């Protein structure tokens, strides 16, 4: 009976596989034809668009954005192209948004066939499906946007301008993902829910990038035209590039962790405990995408919003804000270096410093200014109390910027709304002491001895902010590389105070 049941099961499995594979080509054709039809419709409507040059510029921006697309091992793409496509909806309509999305896919396809040189038949089929998949997702997202905007009083009302972005971005993201999941299931038999579960960590980032980025980009183009595109071009692409670097580096770390899991499984008897610990570390590496990128992205969004709502701002103020944006962009790259530096710190190799003389008070002032939007969101009073004279220090300015950015942003993240964060530098005989104090949640006594260890996180506060437990470990290593010291005092529900002492 057992053998007979196995034979029946194998026959049923084979029949399901044949049925699944027989639906593969019709599925590709249906999605491709539907998407191409929408593209043709959008092209036909092109003469009716007002200021079509801006639509062409959006399409070119979509092509550039595809160059920094991030792809998971399952073949799921994450990029800011969806934000650019969605931005075209309130300006030109869903059909035009499909044209923007298709142009981006065409640009990526041209690059891929020049590098990979796949067979032409396969390359064209892949292009047709990608255009169809993204076109359908973009069009449906556009319909949701238009429907919600009409229900909320049209584009002239506040609700009509703000509310539709998030639902439309969510619809577009999920429809795009499930259309791709259909291909992977029909062609390879990968369980759909398994793919969705492995990709859901990026859904909040994708939806946030699409809704916020698309909304601001549409507003910028509507108000400023070409200048609005220019303002958004670099921050959007840099954010996507930083995201790609994080994912690629995380993938490498995950591969190494999996190798370590295999080694320890063969060598140790307590296999289950080791596997559980390593999986936590992998999850922590994935979580760094949202933990570390939040501060500079909030700064970029906040100051761009200020630019958009203050068209009468004078040139000096604009240049000042653009300098802040540029510093935030550099911060994104610096955060990528946090991940790259972990291996060096864990190996025990000395930290290489590029020393120069700089004003520490000016450095901290710039950091505080860049974090002010994040504090403002929580109505936290972020105070900087420098002395009247500059404090010149010989050290690695970039690494010390990373130290104080981490401490100040952490203080803001772990302080409840309407709290206070104070940064105070004091010069002593041959050293400078910088104190970052907050009125936050505090650190439990049992966690204080481990607060600077790699991957250590306070269990009671893990739900308050996402992170890997790498930040303070890097801070301690960089401070000690400058022959300095760092100490912490904390009391639960009253706050924490981190003190750094550096030689002058």
Protein backbone atom coordinates (compact mmCIF):
# COMPACT_ATOMS: atom_id res chain seq x y z
CA UNK A 1 0.00 0.00 0.00
CA UNK A 2 2.84 2.38 0.84
CA UNK A 3 4.55 1.84 -2.50
CA UNK A 4 1.23 2.31 -4.32
CA UNK A 5 0.54 5.59 -2.48
CA UNK A 6 4.00 6.87 -3.32
CA UNK A 7 3.49 6.06 -6.99
CA UNK A 8 0.15 7.87 -7.01
CA UNK A 9 1.74 10.86 -5.28
CA UNK A 10 4.54 10.97 -7.82
CA UNK A 11 2.07 10.85 -10.72
CA UNK A 12 0.01 13.65 -9.21
CA UNK A 13 3.14 15.72 -8.66
CA UNK A 14 4.23 15.16 -12.26
CA UNK A 15 0.78 16.11 -13.57
CA UNK A 16 0.79 19.33 -11.52
CA UNK A 17 4.26 20.18 -12.80
CA UNK A 18 3.21 19.63 -16.43
CA UNK A 19 0.08 21.75 -15.92
CA UNK A 20 2.10 24.50 -14.26
CA UNK A 21 4.70 24.58 -17.03
CA UNK A 22 2.01 24.55 -19.72
CA UNK A 23 0.62 27.79 -18.26
CA UNK A 24 4.02 29.49 -18.23
CA UNK A 25 4.11 30.75 -21.84
CA UNK A 26 0.45 31.91 -21.93
CA UNK A 27 1.04 33.77 -18.66
CA UNK A 28 4.09 35.55 -20.09
CA UNK A 29 2.19 36.43 -23.26
CA UNK A 30 -0.86 37.74 -21.40
CA UNK A 31 1.15 40.01 -19.10
CA UNK A 32 3.38 41.20 -21.96
CA UNK A 33 0.51 42.03 -24.34
CA UNK A 34 -1.49 43.82 -21.65
CA UNK A 35 1.49 45.94 -20.64
CA UNK A 36 2.52 46.75 -24.21
CA UNK A 37 -1.05 47.83 -24.98
CA UNK A 38 -0.91 50.29 -22.08
CA UNK A 39 2.43 51.63 -23.34
CA UNK A 40 1.01 52.17 -26.83
CA UNK A 41 -2.00 53.94 -25.35
CA UNK A 42 0.27 56.25 -23.36
CA UNK A 43 2.33 57.05 -26.48
CA UNK A 44 -0.82 57.82 -28.47
CA UNK A 45 -1.88 60.30 -25.77
CA UNK A 46 1.52 62.04 -25.83
CA UNK A 47 0.41 65.01 -28.04
CA UNK A 48 -2.30 65.84 -25.47
CA UNK A 49 0.11 66.27 -22.54
CA UNK A 50 0.98 69.74 -21.26
CA UNK A 51 4.73 70.40 -20.98
CA UNK A 52 5.72 67.04 -22.50
CA UNK A 53 9.39 67.89 -22.01
CA UNK A 54 9.00 67.21 -18.27
CA UNK A 55 7.54 63.80 -19.07
CA UNK A 56 10.56 63.03 -21.25
CA UNK A 57 12.86 64.13 -18.41
CA UNK A 58 11.02 61.83 -16.00
CA UNK A 59 11.52 58.99 -18.47
CA UNK A 60 15.26 59.73 -18.69
CA UNK A 61 15.45 59.85 -14.88
CA UNK A 62 13.77 56.42 -14.81
CA UNK A 63 16.46 55.07 -17.15
CA UNK A 64 19.19 56.43 -14.85
CA UNK A 65 17.46 55.01 -11.78
CA UNK A 66 17.43 51.51 -13.28
CA UNK A 67 21.22 51.57 -13.25
CA UNK A 68 21.13 51.30 -9.44
CA UNK A 69 18.40 48.65 -9.24
CA UNK A 70 18.86 46.10 -6.43
CA UNK A 71 17.97 42.48 -7.16
CA UNK A 72 17.53 39.70 -4.62
CA UNK A 73 18.65 36.15 -5.25
CA UNK A 74 15.03 35.26 -6.09
CA UNK A 75 15.06 37.80 -8.94
CA UNK A 76 12.91 40.42 -7.22
CA UNK A 77 13.93 43.98 -8.12
CA UNK A 78 13.89 46.96 -5.76
CA UNK A 79 14.48 50.42 -7.20
CA UNK A 80 13.32 54.02 -7.12
CA UNK A 81 11.96 53.75 -10.67
CA UNK A 82 8.50 53.08 -9.23
CA UNK A 83 8.63 56.43 -7.43
CA UNK A 84 9.50 58.22 -10.66
CA UNK A 85 6.71 56.42 -12.53
CA UNK A 86 4.13 57.18 -9.83
CA UNK A 87 5.17 60.84 -9.86
CA UNK A 88 3.90 61.06 -13.45
CA UNK A 89 0.34 60.06 -12.44
CA UNK A 90 -0.91 63.38 -10.96
CA UNK A 91 0.94 65.29 -13.69
CA UNK A 92 -0.04 63.31 -16.80
CA UNK A 93 -2.21 60.35 -15.82
CA UNK A 94 -1.75 56.56 -15.41
CA UNK A 95 -1.04 55.91 -19.10
CA UNK A 96 1.87 58.36 -19.10
CA UNK A 97 3.22 56.74 -15.93
CA UNK A 98 3.27 53.42 -17.81
CA UNK A 99 5.40 55.03 -20.54
CA UNK A 100 7.89 56.25 -17.91
CA UNK A 101 8.09 52.77 -16.37
CA UNK A 102 8.53 51.14 -19.80
CA UNK A 103 11.31 53.58 -20.72
CA UNK A 104 13.18 52.67 -17.57
CA UNK A 105 12.87 48.96 -18.36
CA UNK A 106 14.07 49.59 -21.92
CA UNK A 107 17.18 51.38 -20.63
CA UNK A 108 17.99 48.53 -18.26
CA UNK A 109 17.44 46.00 -21.06
CA UNK A 110 19.86 47.80 -23.40
CA UNK A 111 22.55 47.77 -20.69
CA UNK A 112 21.95 44.09 -19.89
CA UNK A 113 22.18 42.86 -23.48
CA UNK A 114 25.45 44.75 -23.92
CA UNK A 115 26.99 43.12 -20.86
CA UNK A 116 25.34 39.69 -20.68
CA UNK A 117 24.59 39.21 -24.40
CA UNK A 118 21.73 36.71 -23.97
CA UNK A 119 20.05 35.19 -27.05
CA UNK A 120 17.94 37.84 -28.79
CA UNK A 121 14.75 35.82 -28.55
CA UNK A 122 15.16 35.35 -24.82
CA UNK A 123 16.21 38.99 -24.32
CA UNK A 124 13.16 40.34 -26.18
CA UNK A 125 10.82 38.03 -24.27
CA UNK A 126 12.31 39.20 -20.99
CA UNK A 127 11.92 42.85 -22.03
CA UNK A 128 8.31 42.33 -23.07
CA UNK A 129 7.40 40.68 -19.78
CA UNK A 130 9.22 43.26 -17.64
CA UNK A 131 7.49 46.08 -19.52
CA UNK A 132 4.16 44.32 -19.12
CA UNK A 133 4.66 43.53 -15.45
CA UNK A 134 5.78 47.04 -14.47
CA UNK A 135 3.27 48.64 -16.81
CA UNK A 136 0.32 46.78 -15.28
CA UNK A 137 1.53 47.49 -11.73
CA UNK A 138 2.09 51.17 -12.50
CA UNK A 139 -1.25 51.54 -14.26
CA UNK A 140 -3.21 49.92 -11.42
CA UNK A 141 -1.35 52.06 -8.89
CA UNK A 142 -2.24 55.11 -10.99
CA UNK A 143 -5.92 54.14 -11.09
CA UNK A 144 -5.94 53.77 -7.28
CA UNK A 145 -4.29 57.18 -6.97
CA UNK A 146 -6.79 58.90 -9.29
CA UNK A 147 -9.77 57.19 -7.65
CA UNK A 148 -8.72 58.16 -4.12
CA UNK A 149 -7.86 61.68 -5.18
CA UNK A 150 -11.31 62.16 -6.74
CA UNK A 151 -12.99 60.72 -3.64
CA UNK A 152 -11.05 63.13 -1.41
CA UNK A 153 -11.93 66.29 -3.27
CA UNK A 154 -9.52 66.32 -6.19
CA UNK A 155 -5.95 67.53 -6.57
CA UNK A 156 -6.70 70.95 -5.09
CA UNK A 157 -7.60 69.59 -1.63
CA UNK A 158 -4.99 68.80 1.01
CA UNK A 159 -6.24 65.24 1.52
CA UNK A 160 -6.35 64.67 -2.22
CA UNK A 161 -2.70 65.72 -2.49
CA UNK A 162 -1.40 63.63 0.43
CA UNK A 163 -3.50 60.53 1.14
CA UNK A 164 -3.49 58.68 -2.24
CA UNK A 165 0.30 58.22 -2.39
CA UNK A 166 0.71 55.47 0.20
CA UNK A 167 -2.17 53.20 -0.96
CA UNK A 168 -1.14 53.63 -4.60
CA UNK A 169 2.48 52.77 -3.80
CA UNK A 170 1.41 49.69 -1.83
CA UNK A 171 -0.83 48.46 -4.67
CA UNK A 172 1.90 48.99 -7.26
CA UNK A 173 4.58 47.29 -5.17
CA UNK A 174 2.51 44.23 -4.30
CA UNK A 175 1.05 43.77 -7.80
CA UNK A 176 4.54 43.98 -9.31
CA UNK A 177 5.84 41.45 -6.79
CA UNK A 178 2.99 38.97 -7.28
CA UNK A 179 3.20 39.15 -11.08
CA UNK A 180 6.86 38.17 -10.77
CA UNK A 181 6.04 35.50 -8.20
CA UNK A 182 3.67 34.00 -10.77
CA UNK A 183 6.56 33.59 -13.22
CA UNK A 184 8.84 32.01 -10.64
CA UNK A 185 6.10 29.60 -9.57
CA UNK A 186 5.07 28.53 -13.08
CA UNK A 187 8.63 28.19 -14.37
CA UNK A 188 10.54 26.90 -11.32
CA UNK A 189 7.83 25.71 -8.94
CA UNK A 190 8.98 28.04 -6.13
CA UNK A 191 6.16 28.35 -3.54
CA UNK A 192 4.63 31.85 -3.86
CA UNK A 193 4.30 32.47 -0.11
CA UNK A 194 7.93 31.50 0.42
CA UNK A 195 9.07 34.15 -2.05
CA UNK A 196 6.75 36.73 -0.51
CA UNK A 197 7.95 36.02 3.03
CA UNK A 198 11.60 36.28 2.00
CA UNK A 199 10.94 39.59 0.21
CA UNK A 200 8.55 41.26 2.67
CA UNK A 201 11.39 42.89 4.63
CA UNK A 202 11.82 45.32 1.72
CA UNK A 203 8.10 46.16 1.34
CA UNK A 204 8.12 49.07 3.85
CA UNK A 205 11.24 50.55 2.25
CA UNK A 206 9.84 50.15 -1.27
CA UNK A 207 6.45 51.62 -0.37
CA UNK A 208 7.99 54.48 1.62
CA UNK A 209 10.44 55.32 -1.16
CA UNK A 210 7.72 55.17 -3.83
CA UNK A 211 5.11 57.18 -1.92
CA UNK A 212 7.35 59.83 -0.35
CA UNK A 213 9.77 60.07 -3.26
CA UNK A 214 7.00 60.04 -5.86
CA UNK A 215 4.98 62.65 -3.97
CA UNK A 216 7.88 65.04 -3.53
CA UNK A 217 9.07 64.52 -7.09
CA UNK A 218 5.60 65.22 -8.53
CA UNK A 219 5.33 68.35 -6.40
CA UNK A 220 8.82 69.46 -7.42
CA UNK A 221 8.10 69.03 -11.14
CA UNK A 222 4.72 70.74 -10.81
CA UNK A 223 6.15 73.74 -8.94
CA UNK A 224 9.71 74.03 -10.27
CA UNK A 225 9.77 72.12 -13.57
CA UNK A 226 13.28 71.14 -14.64
CA UNK A 227 14.80 72.61 -11.44
CA UNK A 228 12.62 70.28 -9.36
CA UNK A 229 13.96 67.28 -11.27
CA UNK A 230 17.52 68.49 -10.77
CA UNK A 231 17.02 68.87 -7.00
CA UNK A 232 15.61 65.36 -6.68
CA UNK A 233 17.91 63.57 -9.09
CA UNK A 234 20.98 63.15 -6.89
CA UNK A 235 19.27 62.35 -3.52
CA UNK A 236 16.98 59.73 -5.08
CA UNK A 237 19.73 57.97 -7.02
CA UNK A 238 22.17 58.15 -4.12
CA UNK A 239 19.59 56.65 -1.76
CA UNK A 240 18.99 53.79 -4.21
CA UNK A 241 22.73 53.26 -4.68
CA UNK A 242 23.30 53.15 -0.93
CA UNK A 243 20.44 50.64 -0.64
CA UNK A 244 22.09 48.49 -3.30
CA UNK A 245 25.46 48.58 -1.54
CA UNK A 246 23.82 47.59 1.75
CA UNK A 247 21.98 44.66 0.16
CA UNK A 248 25.06 43.40 -1.67
CA UNK A 249 27.23 43.66 1.42
CA UNK A 250 24.53 42.05 3.53
CA UNK A 251 24.31 39.20 1.03
CA UNK A 252 28.04 38.61 1.34
CA UNK A 253 27.84 38.62 5.12
CA UNK A 254 24.89 36.22 5.02
CA UNK A 255 26.86 33.86 2.80
CA UNK A 256 29.76 33.90 5.23
CA UNK A 257 27.43 33.35 8.15
CA UNK A 258 25.88 30.36 6.39
CA UNK A 259 29.34 28.89 5.87
CA UNK A 260 30.02 29.41 9.55
CA UNK A 261 26.73 27.68 10.38
CA UNK A 262 27.80 24.67 8.34
CA UNK A 263 31.22 24.54 10.02
CA UNK A 264 29.81 24.76 13.54
CA UNK A 265 27.12 22.21 12.75
CA UNK A 266 29.79 19.62 11.99
CA UNK A 267 32.05 20.61 14.91
CA UNK A 268 29.66 21.27 17.79
CA UNK A 269 27.04 19.16 19.50
CA UNK A 270 24.63 22.01 20.27
CA UNK A 271 23.58 22.55 16.67
CA UNK A 272 20.18 24.11 17.29
CA UNK A 273 21.50 26.81 19.62
CA UNK A 274 24.24 27.84 17.17
CA UNK A 275 21.84 27.97 14.22
CA UNK A 276 19.38 30.14 16.15
CA UNK A 277 22.11 32.61 17.09
CA UNK A 278 23.44 32.88 13.55
CA UNK A 279 19.98 33.41 12.10
CA UNK A 280 19.53 36.30 14.52
CA UNK A 281 22.74 37.81 13.20
CA UNK A 282 21.51 37.46 9.60
CA UNK A 283 18.23 39.15 10.52
CA UNK A 284 20.20 41.96 12.15
CA UNK A 285 22.18 42.56 8.97
CA UNK A 286 18.96 42.87 7.00
CA UNK A 287 17.51 45.26 9.58
CA UNK A 288 20.42 47.71 9.12
CA UNK A 289 18.82 48.86 5.86
CA UNK A 290 16.05 50.67 7.70
CA UNK A 291 17.96 51.46 10.92
CA UNK A 292 20.93 53.37 9.52
CA UNK A 293 19.32 54.99 6.46
CA UNK A 294 16.50 56.69 8.36
CA UNK A 295 18.45 59.69 9.71
CA UNK A 296 19.99 61.00 6.43
CA UNK A 297 16.85 60.19 4.43
CA UNK A 298 14.70 62.12 6.92
CA UNK A 299 17.08 65.05 6.60
CA UNK A 300 16.92 64.94 2.81
CA UNK A 301 13.12 64.72 2.76
CA UNK A 302 12.71 67.46 5.37
CA UNK A 303 14.89 70.04 3.68
CA UNK A 304 13.61 69.27 0.20
CA UNK A 305 10.10 69.81 1.55
CA UNK A 306 11.30 73.18 2.88
CA UNK A 307 12.67 74.09 -0.55
CA UNK A 308 9.43 73.15 -2.25
CA UNK A 309 7.21 75.12 0.13
CA UNK A 310 9.44 78.21 0.14
CA UNK A 311 9.85 79.16 -3.55
CA UNK A 312 10.69 82.74 -2.50
CA UNK A 313 13.74 81.65 -0.50
CA UNK A 314 16.84 83.68 -1.31
CA UNK A 315 19.92 82.20 -2.97
CA UNK A 316 22.04 82.10 0.22
CA UNK A 317 19.41 80.08 2.08
CA UNK A 318 19.06 77.68 -0.85
CA UNK A 319 22.82 77.13 -0.97
CA UNK A 320 22.86 76.53 2.79
CA UNK A 321 20.15 73.87 2.53
CA UNK A 322 21.87 72.22 -0.44
CA UNK A 323 25.05 71.96 1.65
CA UNK A 324 23.04 70.17 4.35
CA UNK A 325 21.65 67.80 1.70
CA UNK A 326 25.16 67.13 0.46
CA UNK A 327 26.34 66.30 3.98
CA UNK A 328 23.44 63.88 4.36
CA UNK A 329 24.40 62.22 1.09
CA UNK A 330 27.92 61.77 2.38
CA UNK A 331 26.46 60.32 5.56
CA UNK A 332 24.73 57.60 3.51
CA UNK A 333 28.09 56.57 2.06
CA UNK A 334 29.65 56.69 5.52
CA UNK A 335 26.99 54.31 6.80
CA UNK A 336 27.89 51.87 4.05
CA UNK A 337 31.43 52.05 5.42
CA UNK A 338 30.09 50.94 8.83
CA UNK A 339 29.26 47.56 7.35
CA UNK A 340 32.52 47.39 5.42
CA UNK A 341 34.48 48.15 8.59
CA UNK A 342 33.00 45.35 10.70
CA UNK A 343 35.33 42.67 9.34
CA UNK A 344 38.39 44.81 10.07
CA UNK A 345 37.24 45.53 13.63
CA UNK A 346 36.42 41.88 14.29
CA UNK A 347 39.76 40.71 12.94
CA UNK A 348 41.63 42.89 15.44
CA UNK A 349 43.50 44.81 12.74
CA UNK A 350 44.36 48.43 13.72
CA UNK A 351 42.07 51.19 12.50
CA UNK A 352 43.83 53.40 9.93
CA UNK A 353 43.30 57.11 10.63
CA UNK A 354 43.64 59.99 8.18
CA UNK A 355 44.51 62.76 10.62
CA UNK A 356 43.96 66.45 10.00
CA UNK A 357 43.30 69.54 12.11
CA UNK A 358 39.66 70.62 12.26
CA UNK A 359 37.18 72.51 14.44
CA UNK A 360 35.29 69.96 16.56
CA UNK A 361 32.57 72.45 17.51
CA UNK A 362 31.78 73.08 13.83
CA UNK A 363 31.72 69.35 13.07
CA UNK A 364 29.22 68.65 15.88
CA UNK A 365 27.12 71.68 14.88
CA UNK A 366 26.79 70.29 11.34
CA UNK A 367 25.77 66.88 12.69
CA UNK A 368 23.16 68.39 15.03
CA UNK A 369 21.75 70.44 12.16
CA UNK A 370 21.41 67.36 9.95
CA UNK A 371 19.60 65.41 12.72
CA UNK A 372 17.21 68.24 13.64
CA UNK A 373 14.45 67.03 11.23
CA UNK A 374 14.43 63.59 12.91
CA UNK A 375 14.17 65.24 16.34
CA UNK A 376 11.44 67.56 15.06
CA UNK A 377 9.31 64.60 14.00
CA UNK A 378 9.17 63.48 17.65
CA UNK A 379 9.03 67.04 19.04
CA UNK A 380 12.31 66.41 20.83
CA UNK A 381 14.35 69.42 21.93
CA UNK A 382 17.84 68.82 20.48
CA UNK A 383 20.23 71.31 22.10
CA UNK A 384 23.87 71.96 21.29
CA UNK A 385 25.80 73.90 23.94
CA UNK A 386 29.28 74.74 22.57
CA UNK A 387 31.62 77.25 24.17
CA UNK A 388 32.46 80.60 22.67
CA UNK A 389 35.77 79.44 21.15
CA UNK A 390 36.47 76.79 18.52
CA UNK A 391 38.03 73.49 19.61
CA UNK A 392 40.76 72.44 17.22
CA UNK A 393 41.49 68.72 17.24
CA UNK A 394 43.93 66.51 15.37
CA UNK A 395 42.11 63.38 14.24
CA UNK A 396 40.23 61.59 11.47
CA UNK A 397 37.34 63.96 10.82
CA UNK A 398 35.28 61.43 8.87
CA UNK A 399 35.52 58.74 11.55
CA UNK A 400 34.73 61.16 14.37
CA UNK A 401 31.75 62.42 12.38
CA UNK A 402 30.52 58.82 12.32
CA UNK A 403 31.03 58.57 16.10
CA UNK A 404 28.97 61.64 17.02
CA UNK A 405 26.33 61.02 14.33
CA UNK A 406 25.73 57.59 15.82
CA UNK A 407 25.52 58.81 19.43
CA UNK A 408 23.27 61.80 18.73
CA UNK A 409 20.90 59.94 16.39
CA UNK A 410 20.66 57.07 18.90
CA UNK A 411 19.80 59.54 21.65
CA UNK A 412 16.96 60.93 19.52
CA UNK A 413 15.68 57.47 18.54
CA UNK A 414 15.59 56.18 22.13
CA UNK A 415 14.03 59.30 23.64
CA UNK A 416 10.22 59.53 23.79
CA UNK A 417 8.28 62.39 22.22
CA UNK A 418 8.76 65.84 23.77
CA UNK A 419 11.98 64.73 25.43
CA UNK A 420 15.36 66.45 25.44
CA UNK A 421 18.80 65.62 23.99
CA UNK A 422 21.78 67.79 24.94
CA UNK A 423 25.26 67.81 23.36
CA UNK A 424 27.98 69.59 25.35
CA UNK A 425 31.72 69.85 24.55
CA UNK A 426 34.11 70.95 27.33
CA UNK A 427 37.87 71.62 26.98
CA UNK A 428 40.13 70.37 29.78
CA UNK A 429 43.92 70.74 30.19
CA UNK A 430 45.01 68.43 27.37
CA UNK A 431 41.75 66.90 26.20
CA UNK A 432 38.19 67.63 25.19
CA UNK A 433 35.15 65.93 26.69
CA UNK A 434 31.90 65.65 24.72
CA UNK A 435 28.75 64.55 26.54
CA UNK A 436 25.58 63.39 24.76
CA UNK A 437 22.79 63.25 27.34
CA UNK A 438 19.12 62.40 26.85
CA UNK A 439 15.91 62.01 28.84
CA UNK A 440 15.15 58.70 27.12
CA UNK A 441 14.24 55.21 28.14
CA UNK A 442 17.58 54.42 29.75
CA UNK A 443 19.60 51.20 29.76
CA UNK A 444 18.84 48.38 32.24
CA UNK A 445 21.74 47.60 34.65
CA UNK A 446 22.16 44.08 33.25
CA UNK A 447 22.78 45.49 29.74
CA UNK A 448 25.27 48.22 30.65
CA UNK A 449 28.39 45.95 30.73
CA UNK A 450 27.59 44.66 27.21
CA UNK A 451 26.41 47.86 25.53
CA UNK A 452 29.57 48.21 23.37
CA UNK A 453 29.69 44.58 22.24
CA UNK A 454 29.08 43.57 18.62
CA UNK A 455 25.43 42.75 17.87
CA UNK A 456 24.30 43.45 21.43
CA UNK A 457 20.93 45.18 21.69
CA UNK A 458 18.86 46.07 24.74
CA UNK A 459 16.02 43.57 24.66
CA UNK A 460 13.51 45.92 26.27
CA UNK A 461 14.08 48.52 23.55
CA UNK A 462 14.28 46.34 20.41
CA UNK A 463 10.69 47.24 19.47
CA UNK A 464 11.42 50.98 19.63
CA UNK A 465 13.95 51.13 16.77
CA UNK A 466 15.50 48.74 14.26
CA UNK A 467 19.24 48.08 14.40
CA UNK A 468 22.03 45.53 14.34
CA UNK A 469 23.91 46.33 17.53
CA UNK A 470 26.95 47.38 15.48
CA UNK A 471 26.82 51.14 15.99
CA UNK A 472 28.18 51.45 19.55
CA UNK A 473 30.79 48.76 18.91
CA UNK A 474 32.13 50.80 15.98
CA UNK A 475 31.96 54.00 18.06
CA UNK A 476 34.08 52.47 20.82
CA UNK A 477 36.67 51.14 18.36
CA UNK A 478 36.99 54.50 16.57
CA UNK A 479 37.27 56.45 19.83
CA UNK A 480 39.96 54.10 21.15
CA UNK A 481 41.81 54.40 17.81
CA UNK A 482 42.11 58.14 18.64
CA UNK A 483 43.56 57.22 22.08
CA UNK A 484 40.30 58.34 23.63
CA UNK A 485 37.79 56.80 26.01
CA UNK A 486 34.02 56.42 26.07
CA UNK A 487 31.82 55.82 29.09
CA UNK A 488 28.09 55.61 29.70
CA UNK A 489 25.86 56.31 32.67
CA UNK A 490 22.21 55.38 32.50
CA UNK A 491 19.11 54.87 34.59
CA UNK A 492 15.93 53.28 33.35
CA UNK A 493 13.09 55.70 32.52
CA UNK A 494 15.36 58.69 33.27
CA UNK A 495 17.86 58.72 30.42
CA UNK A 496 21.44 58.04 29.41
CA UNK A 497 24.66 60.03 29.18
CA UNK A 498 27.53 59.03 26.88
CA UNK A 499 30.85 60.77 27.56
CA UNK A 500 33.76 60.78 25.10
CA UNK A 501 37.20 62.09 26.03
CA UNK A 502 39.70 62.80 23.24
CA UNK A 503 43.26 64.13 23.50
CA UNK A 504 43.89 67.52 21.89
